[in-house]
Amino acid sequence: MSLCVALAACGGTAGTGAGNGATGGSASSAPGPVSQAEIDKAMSTPTELTFWTWAPDIAQEVALFEKKYPAVKVKIVNAGQGVPQYTKLRTALQAGTGAPDVVQIEYQYIPTFTITDSLLDLRPYGAGALKNTFVDWTWSQVSGARGEVWAIPQDTGPMGMLYRKDIFDKHRIPVPKTWEEFAAAARTLHAADPDVYLTNLAANEAAAWHGLLWQAGATPYAGSGKSDIAIRVNDETSKKLGTYWGALAKEGVIGVEPDFTDAWYSALNKGKYATWITAAWGPVFLSGAAKSTAGKWRAAPLPQWDASRPSSGNWGGSTSAVTRTTKNPIAAARFAQFLNSDPESAKLFATEQFLFPATKALLADPGYVGETPAFYGGQQVNQVFADISDTVDSTFQWPPFLDRVVTDWTETVGKSLAGKSDTVAALDQWQTRITTFAESQGFTVQEQ
């Protein structure tokens, strides 16, 4: 079975950035720049594009594009969210029919499709000129090792911490600035009130674990081509995380229940957890999911491993990519660019869909970062996360079989957290399982 066929069959997924070796469609085979005359002709020719997206009410942004380019109509299709959509996309691409022109893809899933040469390099259509429009690390996430531009950033999820100010005040706990302080606070709080935990590290949430790896400076995956990959999920940095969180779970001073369940929502509303380690999309989500706690929450950066070098990871966010099979590459590429870089469209995403911005302009807009939501006691929460976004490292890479990685994490590391067993040993199991799978799919796994 060929590498590309194997990836499609196993639901292989990944997401990488400029330095992370995203492959597919070589730079040398990319066509030269499209002329302005060709662009003008394409954008004035009657055309229909199909756009797969799960973003709600996105017709508003699409309408802005159609107003500027009335000859081009965009058919919006919700083909599912995340993995269900990707499965349908792979099927359509393999069949050679039914694939969209433009598709919403999360950052971490881009290499699933670049490794099978399924995405269009957007450089010939002017995408390179947008580099400085977007936050640097997001541009890295959508760029290939040879300068390809595989997608246009849409929204982001830099990680921070939401905390219950009332609980902290009641127990005289200062907001932890380091992970050492966080662990001490977890023990102090649970000893003072056995019904309350400082936080919950969900045993089913590999995305949060990856974000914490990112913050810690780990390099769990590194690709150097379509068939070579380094896997380091049990290296020194990873084991530091395993030792830290495994100990807190064993002591029973943090929760480890699955997130986004009825029980978890109830826990947030009842004050079972004093913090939520989340991403920039979390504040709006929480204000809807825990309405009974309005006014009690505040936002802060993640605690740090090295307080002198602030850093964070990312959890979530997505892009607009163009499939290589599109019959209208110019119109599709220009649509993907307009949708996410046009100031009015980008602002709609932030203010109507409440997606956290990827554009530098919005993250510096006083009207946006200066908002003072009552749910957070009037704190400028957007500003907190805008500042955090500046500390996200741009070199983090994803594997080209993320679905399998997530499954293996849940069955090893997640299981160890839930069962309060040896998390460091579980990291070794995770490493072995991923390595074995990668090799079975034709990858050459580099030694650590």
Protein backbone atom coordinates (compact mmCIF):
# COMPACT_ATOMS: atom_id res chain seq x y z
CA MET A 1 0.00 0.00 0.00
CA SER A 2 1.48 3.37 -0.96
CA LEU A 3 2.07 6.04 1.66
CA CYS A 4 -0.62 8.35 0.26
CA VAL A 5 -3.18 5.57 -0.04
CA ALA A 6 -2.34 4.42 3.47
CA LEU A 7 -2.93 7.86 4.88
CA ALA A 8 -6.27 8.16 3.17
CA ALA A 9 -7.32 4.73 4.37
CA CYS A 10 -6.35 5.31 7.99
CA GLY A 11 -7.80 8.78 8.18
CA GLY A 12 -4.31 10.19 8.60
CA THR A 13 -4.28 13.80 9.62
CA ALA A 14 -1.78 16.50 10.35
CA GLY A 15 -1.10 20.20 10.40
CA THR A 16 2.25 21.92 10.06
CA GLY A 17 3.82 25.25 9.42
CA ALA A 18 6.63 26.81 7.46
CA GLY A 19 9.35 25.13 9.41
CA ASN A 20 7.41 21.99 10.10
CA GLY A 21 7.86 20.23 6.82
CA ALA A 22 4.37 20.28 5.39
CA THR A 23 4.66 18.58 2.05
CA GLY A 24 2.62 18.03 -1.06
CA GLY A 25 2.72 19.81 -4.42
CA SER A 26 6.36 20.78 -4.74
CA ALA A 27 7.39 24.40 -5.06
CA SER A 28 9.17 23.61 -8.31
CA SER A 29 5.96 22.33 -9.89
CA ALA A 30 3.90 25.34 -8.86
CA PRO A 31 2.78 27.53 -11.76
CA GLY A 32 4.17 31.03 -12.09
CA PRO A 33 2.30 34.06 -10.74
CA VAL A 34 -1.10 34.68 -12.26
CA SER A 35 -1.29 38.08 -13.94
CA GLN A 36 -3.69 40.78 -12.85
CA ALA A 37 -5.36 40.53 -16.25
CA GLU A 38 -6.02 36.83 -15.66
CA ILE A 39 -7.39 37.58 -12.21
CA ASP A 40 -9.66 40.33 -13.52
CA LYS A 41 -10.98 38.02 -16.23
CA ALA A 42 -11.64 35.15 -13.84
CA MET A 43 -13.39 37.37 -11.31
CA SER A 44 -15.71 38.85 -13.94
CA THR A 45 -16.61 35.49 -15.49
CA PRO A 46 -19.85 33.85 -14.25
CA THR A 47 -18.68 31.16 -11.83
CA GLU A 48 -20.05 29.07 -8.98
CA LEU A 49 -17.79 27.95 -6.14
CA THR A 50 -18.64 25.31 -3.56
CA PHE A 51 -17.45 26.10 -0.05
CA TRP A 52 -17.47 23.54 2.77
CA THR A 53 -17.58 25.17 6.20
CA TRP A 54 -19.04 24.59 9.64
CA ALA A 55 -18.89 28.26 10.68
CA PRO A 56 -22.44 29.41 11.56
CA ASP A 57 -24.09 32.28 9.67
CA ILE A 58 -21.10 32.65 7.38
CA ALA A 59 -23.43 33.88 4.62
CA GLN A 60 -22.76 37.40 5.89
CA GLU A 61 -19.07 37.19 5.05
CA VAL A 62 -19.76 35.42 1.76
CA ALA A 63 -22.18 38.20 0.80
CA LEU A 64 -19.37 40.74 1.12
CA PHE A 65 -17.31 38.76 -1.39
CA GLU A 66 -20.22 38.39 -3.81
CA LYS A 67 -20.91 42.10 -3.58
CA LYS A 68 -17.34 42.85 -4.67
CA TYR A 69 -17.35 40.10 -7.31
CA PRO A 70 -20.97 39.77 -8.47
CA ALA A 71 -20.08 37.32 -11.24
CA VAL A 72 -18.89 34.75 -8.69
CA LYS A 73 -21.50 32.92 -6.61
CA VAL A 74 -20.57 30.82 -3.61
CA LYS A 75 -22.58 27.76 -2.58
CA ILE A 76 -22.20 27.19 1.17
CA VAL A 77 -22.30 23.56 2.33
CA ASN A 78 -22.02 22.29 5.90
CA ALA A 79 -20.48 18.87 5.38
CA GLY A 80 -19.90 18.30 9.07
CA GLN A 81 -17.32 19.57 11.52
CA GLY A 82 -13.77 18.36 12.00
CA VAL A 83 -13.19 14.64 11.40
CA PRO A 84 -16.59 13.89 9.77
CA GLN A 85 -15.93 16.61 7.20
CA TYR A 86 -12.38 15.44 6.59
CA THR A 87 -13.59 11.90 6.01
CA LYS A 88 -16.05 13.13 3.40
CA LEU A 89 -13.37 15.30 1.83
CA ARG A 90 -10.90 12.42 1.51
CA THR A 91 -13.61 10.26 -0.02
CA ALA A 92 -14.53 12.93 -2.57
CA LEU A 93 -10.89 13.58 -3.46
CA GLN A 94 -10.23 9.87 -3.96
CA ALA A 95 -13.36 9.51 -6.08
CA GLY A 96 -12.36 12.49 -8.18
CA THR A 97 -15.80 14.04 -7.87
CA GLY A 98 -17.82 15.94 -5.31
CA ALA A 99 -14.96 17.80 -3.62
CA PRO A 100 -15.48 21.49 -2.81
CA ASP A 101 -13.48 24.31 -4.33
CA VAL A 102 -12.74 25.84 -0.93
CA VAL A 103 -12.82 24.01 2.40
CA GLN A 104 -12.46 24.93 6.06
CA ILE A 105 -9.57 23.00 7.63
CA GLU A 106 -8.13 23.24 11.12
CA TYR A 107 -4.42 24.06 11.31
CA GLN A 108 -3.47 20.64 12.65
CA TYR A 109 -5.16 18.84 9.78
CA ILE A 110 -3.54 20.64 6.86
CA PRO A 111 -0.75 18.08 6.27
CA THR A 112 -3.27 15.26 6.01
CA PHE A 113 -4.10 16.77 2.68
CA THR A 114 -0.78 18.30 1.67
CA ILE A 115 0.89 14.91 2.00
CA THR A 116 -1.56 13.56 -0.59
CA ASP A 117 -1.09 16.58 -2.87
CA SER A 118 -4.72 17.56 -2.34
CA LEU A 119 -4.34 21.29 -1.68
CA LEU A 120 -3.51 24.11 -4.05
CA ASP A 121 -0.43 26.23 -3.41
CA LEU A 122 -1.93 29.71 -3.20
CA ARG A 123 1.24 31.69 -3.92
CA PRO A 124 0.57 32.13 -7.66
CA TYR A 125 -2.73 33.81 -6.79
CA GLY A 126 -1.25 36.51 -4.58
CA ALA A 127 -1.44 34.85 -1.17
CA GLY A 128 2.18 35.62 -0.35
CA ALA A 129 1.35 39.31 -0.14
CA LEU A 130 -0.86 38.58 2.88
CA LYS A 131 1.91 37.23 5.10
CA ASN A 132 2.15 40.35 7.25
CA THR A 133 -1.63 40.58 7.57
CA PHE A 134 -1.72 37.60 9.90
CA VAL A 135 -0.15 36.75 13.24
CA ASP A 136 3.28 35.29 12.50
CA TRP A 137 2.76 31.88 14.07
CA THR A 138 -0.52 31.37 12.19
CA TRP A 139 1.21 32.04 8.88
CA SER A 140 3.83 29.48 9.84
CA GLN A 141 1.06 26.94 10.43
CA VAL A 142 -0.30 27.31 6.89
CA SER A 143 3.04 27.45 5.09
CA GLY A 144 5.10 24.63 3.61
CA ALA A 145 8.78 23.85 4.01
CA ARG A 146 9.52 25.28 0.55
CA GLY A 147 7.46 28.41 0.94
CA GLU A 148 4.10 27.03 -0.20
CA VAL A 149 0.96 28.70 1.14
CA TRP A 150 -1.54 25.93 1.72
CA ALA A 151 -4.36 27.90 3.32
CA ILE A 152 -5.37 31.28 4.70
CA PRO A 153 -5.71 31.65 8.50
CA GLN A 154 -9.22 32.32 9.75
CA ASP A 155 -9.21 32.13 13.54
CA THR A 156 -6.95 31.01 16.38
CA GLY A 157 -6.89 29.54 19.87
CA PRO A 158 -3.90 30.76 21.91
CA MET A 159 -4.12 29.14 25.33
CA GLY A 160 -4.73 30.91 28.60
CA MET A 161 -6.44 30.33 31.93
CA LEU A 162 -9.93 31.35 33.00
CA TYR A 163 -10.34 31.40 36.77
CA ARG A 164 -12.99 31.95 39.42
CA LYS A 165 -11.96 35.15 41.18
CA ASP A 166 -14.48 34.58 43.96
CA ILE A 167 -13.04 31.16 44.80
CA PHE A 168 -9.49 32.46 44.67
CA ASP A 169 -10.42 35.39 46.92
CA LYS A 170 -12.29 33.21 49.40
CA HIS A 171 -9.25 30.97 49.90
CA ARG A 172 -6.70 33.78 49.53
CA ILE A 173 -5.05 32.10 46.59
CA PRO A 174 -3.06 34.41 44.30
CA VAL A 175 -3.31 33.82 40.56
CA PRO A 176 -0.48 31.37 39.86
CA LYS A 177 2.20 32.71 37.57
CA THR A 178 4.25 29.49 37.44
CA TRP A 179 3.29 25.83 37.24
CA GLU A 180 4.97 25.31 40.61
CA GLU A 181 2.61 27.88 42.11
CA PHE A 182 -0.30 26.25 40.29
CA ALA A 183 0.45 22.84 41.84
CA ALA A 184 0.73 24.37 45.30
CA ALA A 185 -2.58 26.17 44.80
CA ALA A 186 -4.23 22.92 43.68
CA ARG A 187 -3.19 21.20 46.89
CA THR A 188 -4.14 24.16 49.09
CA LEU A 189 -7.58 24.60 47.56
CA HIS A 190 -8.58 20.94 47.62
CA ALA A 191 -7.40 20.59 51.22
CA ALA A 192 -9.50 23.60 52.21
CA ASP A 193 -12.57 22.38 50.30
CA PRO A 194 -12.57 18.73 49.16
CA ASP A 195 -15.52 19.44 46.85
CA VAL A 196 -13.51 21.93 44.78
CA TYR A 197 -10.59 21.32 42.44
CA LEU A 198 -8.28 23.93 40.99
CA THR A 199 -8.82 22.56 37.49
CA ASN A 200 -9.85 19.61 35.34
CA LEU A 201 -7.41 18.04 32.88
CA ALA A 202 -9.78 16.05 30.72
CA ALA A 203 -8.60 12.49 30.09
CA ASN A 204 -10.22 12.58 26.65
CA GLU A 205 -8.72 15.87 25.45
CA ALA A 206 -5.55 15.24 23.46
CA ALA A 207 -5.84 18.73 21.96
CA ALA A 208 -5.27 20.35 25.35
CA TRP A 209 -2.28 18.06 25.98
CA HIS A 210 -0.76 19.09 22.65
CA GLY A 211 -1.30 22.74 23.56
CA LEU A 212 0.53 22.20 26.85
CA LEU A 213 3.35 20.42 25.00
CA TRP A 214 3.50 23.41 22.66
CA GLN A 215 3.75 25.83 25.56
CA ALA A 216 6.49 23.79 27.21
CA GLY A 217 8.65 23.99 24.09
CA ALA A 218 8.30 20.34 23.11
CA THR A 219 8.89 19.14 19.55
CA PRO A 220 6.81 15.95 19.51
CA TYR A 221 6.72 15.68 15.73
CA ALA A 222 9.03 16.85 12.98
CA GLY A 223 8.66 15.96 9.33
CA SER A 224 11.44 16.32 6.78
CA GLY A 225 9.57 15.07 3.75
CA LYS A 226 6.65 12.88 2.79
CA SER A 227 8.07 9.73 4.32
CA ASP A 228 10.43 10.84 7.12
CA ILE A 229 9.23 11.86 10.55
CA ALA A 230 10.68 12.26 14.03
CA ILE A 231 8.39 11.27 16.90
CA ARG A 232 9.29 12.49 20.39
CA VAL A 233 6.20 12.30 22.59
CA ASN A 234 8.18 10.79 25.49
CA ASP A 235 11.24 13.02 25.45
CA GLU A 236 12.49 14.97 28.46
CA THR A 237 10.04 17.85 28.02
CA SER A 238 7.10 15.51 27.51
CA LYS A 239 8.02 13.51 30.59
CA LYS A 240 8.22 16.71 32.59
CA LEU A 241 4.56 17.26 31.72
CA GLY A 242 3.73 13.63 32.43
CA THR A 243 5.39 13.75 35.85
CA TYR A 244 3.68 17.03 36.73
CA TRP A 245 0.12 16.26 35.69
CA GLY A 246 0.34 12.58 36.62
CA ALA A 247 1.29 13.51 40.18
CA LEU A 248 -1.61 15.96 40.54
CA ALA A 249 -4.03 13.38 39.17
CA LYS A 250 -2.71 10.66 41.50
CA GLU A 251 -3.02 12.97 44.49
CA GLY A 252 -6.62 13.65 43.52
CA VAL A 253 -6.22 17.43 43.66
CA ILE A 254 -7.33 17.99 40.05
CA GLY A 255 -10.26 16.57 38.13
CA VAL A 256 -9.79 14.29 35.12
CA GLU A 257 -13.38 13.89 33.88
CA PRO A 258 -14.19 14.09 30.15
CA ASP A 259 -14.92 17.61 28.95
CA PHE A 260 -17.88 18.93 26.96
CA THR A 261 -20.27 16.51 28.68
CA ASP A 262 -23.37 17.23 30.79
CA ALA A 263 -21.42 16.40 33.94
CA TRP A 264 -18.62 18.76 32.98
CA TYR A 265 -21.00 21.63 32.19
CA SER A 266 -22.72 21.05 35.53
CA ALA A 267 -19.37 21.10 37.33
CA LEU A 268 -18.48 24.47 35.85
CA ASN A 269 -21.82 25.93 36.86
CA LYS A 270 -21.62 24.55 40.40
CA GLY A 271 -18.10 25.79 41.07
CA LYS A 272 -16.43 22.37 41.17
CA TYR A 273 -13.51 23.75 39.16
CA ALA A 274 -11.81 27.02 39.97
CA THR A 275 -10.01 27.31 36.61
CA TRP A 276 -10.39 26.19 33.04
CA ILE A 277 -7.20 25.83 31.03
CA THR A 278 -8.56 26.72 27.63
CA ALA A 279 -8.04 28.79 24.49
CA ALA A 280 -9.08 32.21 23.21
CA TRP A 281 -12.42 30.80 22.07
CA GLY A 282 -13.10 29.72 25.64
CA PRO A 283 -14.33 33.02 27.13
CA VAL A 284 -17.32 33.33 24.81
CA PHE A 285 -18.07 29.61 25.06
CA LEU A 286 -17.99 29.67 28.87
CA SER A 287 -20.24 32.72 29.09
CA GLY A 288 -22.92 30.66 27.36
CA ALA A 289 -22.21 27.33 29.06
CA ALA A 290 -21.96 28.60 32.65
CA LYS A 291 -24.41 31.49 32.78
CA SER A 292 -25.07 31.04 36.48
CA THR A 293 -21.47 32.07 37.23
CA ALA A 294 -21.58 35.42 35.41
CA GLY A 295 -19.28 38.05 36.85
CA LYS A 296 -17.17 35.56 38.78
CA TRP A 297 -14.59 34.68 36.12
CA ARG A 298 -11.40 36.41 35.03
CA ALA A 299 -8.70 35.61 32.45
CA ALA A 300 -4.93 35.25 32.82
CA PRO A 301 -2.01 33.78 30.88
CA LEU A 302 -1.09 30.16 31.47
CA PRO A 303 1.26 29.55 34.39
CA GLN A 304 4.83 29.39 33.09
CA TRP A 305 7.65 26.90 33.27
CA ASP A 306 10.06 29.83 33.02
CA ALA A 307 8.48 33.09 34.15
CA SER A 308 11.27 35.08 32.49
CA ARG A 309 10.28 33.72 29.06
CA PRO A 310 6.49 33.86 28.68
CA SER A 311 5.14 31.28 26.27
CA SER A 312 1.90 29.66 25.26
CA GLY A 313 0.54 27.02 22.94
CA ASN A 314 -2.47 26.96 20.65
CA TRP A 315 -5.65 24.90 20.84
CA GLY A 316 -8.02 25.27 17.91
CA GLY A 317 -8.58 27.63 15.04
CA SER A 318 -9.02 26.96 11.36
CA THR A 319 -8.23 28.09 7.83
CA SER A 320 -9.64 28.28 4.31
CA ALA A 321 -7.89 26.01 1.81
CA VAL A 322 -8.41 25.40 -1.91
CA THR A 323 -8.52 21.86 -3.25
CA ARG A 324 -6.23 20.97 -6.11
CA THR A 325 -9.23 19.56 -8.02
CA THR A 326 -11.00 22.91 -8.33
CA LYS A 327 -11.87 23.92 -11.87
CA ASN A 328 -11.77 27.58 -10.88
CA PRO A 329 -8.44 28.01 -9.08
CA ILE A 330 -8.22 31.79 -9.46
CA ALA A 331 -11.72 32.50 -8.15
CA ALA A 332 -11.36 29.94 -5.36
CA ALA A 333 -8.00 31.28 -4.25
CA ARG A 334 -9.20 34.88 -4.29
CA PHE A 335 -12.28 33.90 -2.30
CA ALA A 336 -10.19 32.19 0.40
CA GLN A 337 -7.99 35.26 0.63
CA PHE A 338 -10.83 37.78 0.69
CA LEU A 339 -12.87 35.87 3.24
CA ASN A 340 -10.14 36.04 5.87
CA SER A 341 -8.16 39.17 5.02
CA ASP A 342 -10.84 41.67 4.07
CA PRO A 343 -11.14 43.91 7.17
CA GLU A 344 -14.93 43.89 7.21
CA SER A 345 -15.18 40.14 6.73
CA ALA A 346 -12.52 39.42 9.36
CA LYS A 347 -14.31 41.69 11.83
CA LEU A 348 -17.59 39.89 11.24
CA PHE A 349 -15.93 36.60 12.18
CA ALA A 350 -14.77 38.18 15.44
CA THR A 351 -17.97 40.00 16.34
CA GLU A 352 -20.70 37.78 14.89
CA GLN A 353 -19.26 34.25 15.06
CA PHE A 354 -17.04 35.21 18.01
CA LEU A 355 -13.98 33.58 16.48
CA PHE A 356 -10.69 34.79 17.90
CA PRO A 357 -8.89 36.79 15.18
CA ALA A 358 -5.87 35.75 13.17
CA THR A 359 -5.25 39.23 11.73
CA LYS A 360 -2.79 41.59 13.37
CA ALA A 361 -5.09 44.56 12.70
CA LEU A 362 -7.97 43.19 14.76
CA LEU A 363 -5.70 42.16 17.62
CA ALA A 364 -4.53 45.78 17.76
CA ASP A 365 -8.00 47.31 17.32
CA PRO A 366 -9.00 49.16 20.52
CA GLY A 367 -12.63 48.58 19.68
CA TYR A 368 -12.09 44.83 19.81
CA VAL A 369 -9.44 44.26 22.46
CA GLY A 370 -10.97 46.97 24.62
CA GLU A 371 -14.30 45.19 25.08
CA THR A 372 -15.27 44.75 28.76
CA PRO A 373 -17.71 41.82 29.07
CA ALA A 374 -19.76 41.76 32.27
CA PHE A 375 -19.33 37.99 32.52
CA TYR A 376 -15.66 38.67 33.29
CA GLY A 377 -16.28 41.56 35.64
CA GLY A 378 -15.48 44.15 32.99
CA GLN A 379 -12.00 42.76 32.33
CA GLN A 380 -10.57 43.31 28.84
CA VAL A 381 -10.40 39.58 28.12
CA ASN A 382 -9.71 39.98 24.40
CA GLN A 383 -6.64 42.04 25.27
CA VAL A 384 -5.42 39.31 27.61
CA PHE A 385 -5.56 36.72 24.83
CA ALA A 386 -4.18 39.13 22.21
CA ASP A 387 -1.11 39.53 24.42
CA ILE A 388 -0.92 35.77 24.88
CA SER A 389 -1.00 35.29 21.11
CA ASP A 390 2.32 37.13 20.86
CA THR A 391 3.95 34.39 22.95
CA VAL A 392 2.93 31.38 20.83
CA ASP A 393 5.95 29.66 19.29
CA SER A 394 5.90 29.49 15.49
CA THR A 395 7.83 26.24 15.04
CA PHE A 396 5.42 23.67 16.50
CA GLN A 397 4.61 20.85 14.08
CA TRP A 398 1.89 18.25 13.72
CA PRO A 399 2.02 14.62 12.55
CA PRO A 400 0.46 13.49 9.27
CA PHE A 401 -1.76 10.96 11.08
CA LEU A 402 -3.30 12.97 13.88
CA ASP A 403 -6.45 10.87 14.19
CA ARG A 404 -4.37 7.84 15.16
CA VAL A 405 -2.18 9.92 17.48
CA VAL A 406 -5.27 11.18 19.32
CA THR A 407 -6.74 7.70 19.67
CA ASP A 408 -3.45 6.34 21.02
CA TRP A 409 -3.12 9.26 23.46
CA THR A 410 -6.58 8.63 24.89
CA GLU A 411 -5.84 4.93 25.32
CA THR A 412 -2.47 5.51 27.00
CA VAL A 413 -1.84 8.95 28.54
CA GLY A 414 -5.50 9.84 28.95
CA LYS A 415 -6.18 6.43 30.48
CA SER A 416 -3.33 6.92 32.95
CA LEU A 417 -4.75 10.25 34.08
CA ALA A 418 -8.24 8.84 34.49
CA GLY A 419 -6.94 5.76 36.30
CA LYS A 420 -4.35 7.66 38.35
CA SER A 421 -1.62 5.32 37.15
CA ASP A 422 1.90 5.99 35.81
CA THR A 423 1.61 8.79 33.23
CA VAL A 424 5.33 8.73 32.38
CA ALA A 425 5.09 5.04 31.53
CA ALA A 426 2.00 5.83 29.48
CA LEU A 427 4.06 8.30 27.43
CA ASP A 428 6.43 5.47 26.54
CA GLN A 429 3.44 3.38 25.45
CA TRP A 430 2.16 6.28 23.36
CA GLN A 431 5.56 6.67 21.71
CA THR A 432 5.72 2.97 20.86
CA ARG A 433 2.20 2.85 19.45
CA ILE A 434 2.67 5.91 17.24
CA THR A 435 6.06 4.71 16.01
CA THR A 436 4.73 1.26 15.18
CA PHE A 437 1.79 2.75 13.31
CA ALA A 438 3.96 5.23 11.38
CA GLU A 439 6.33 2.49 10.27
CA SER A 440 3.43 0.28 9.22
CA GLN A 441 2.25 3.12 6.95
CA GLY A 442 5.59 3.45 5.19
CA PHE A 443 7.20 6.21 7.24
CA THR A 444 10.80 6.16 8.25
CA VAL A 445 10.81 7.18 11.91
CA GLN A 446 13.92 9.03 12.96
CA GLU A 447 15.62 8.22 16.22
CA GLN A 448 15.17 10.74 19.02
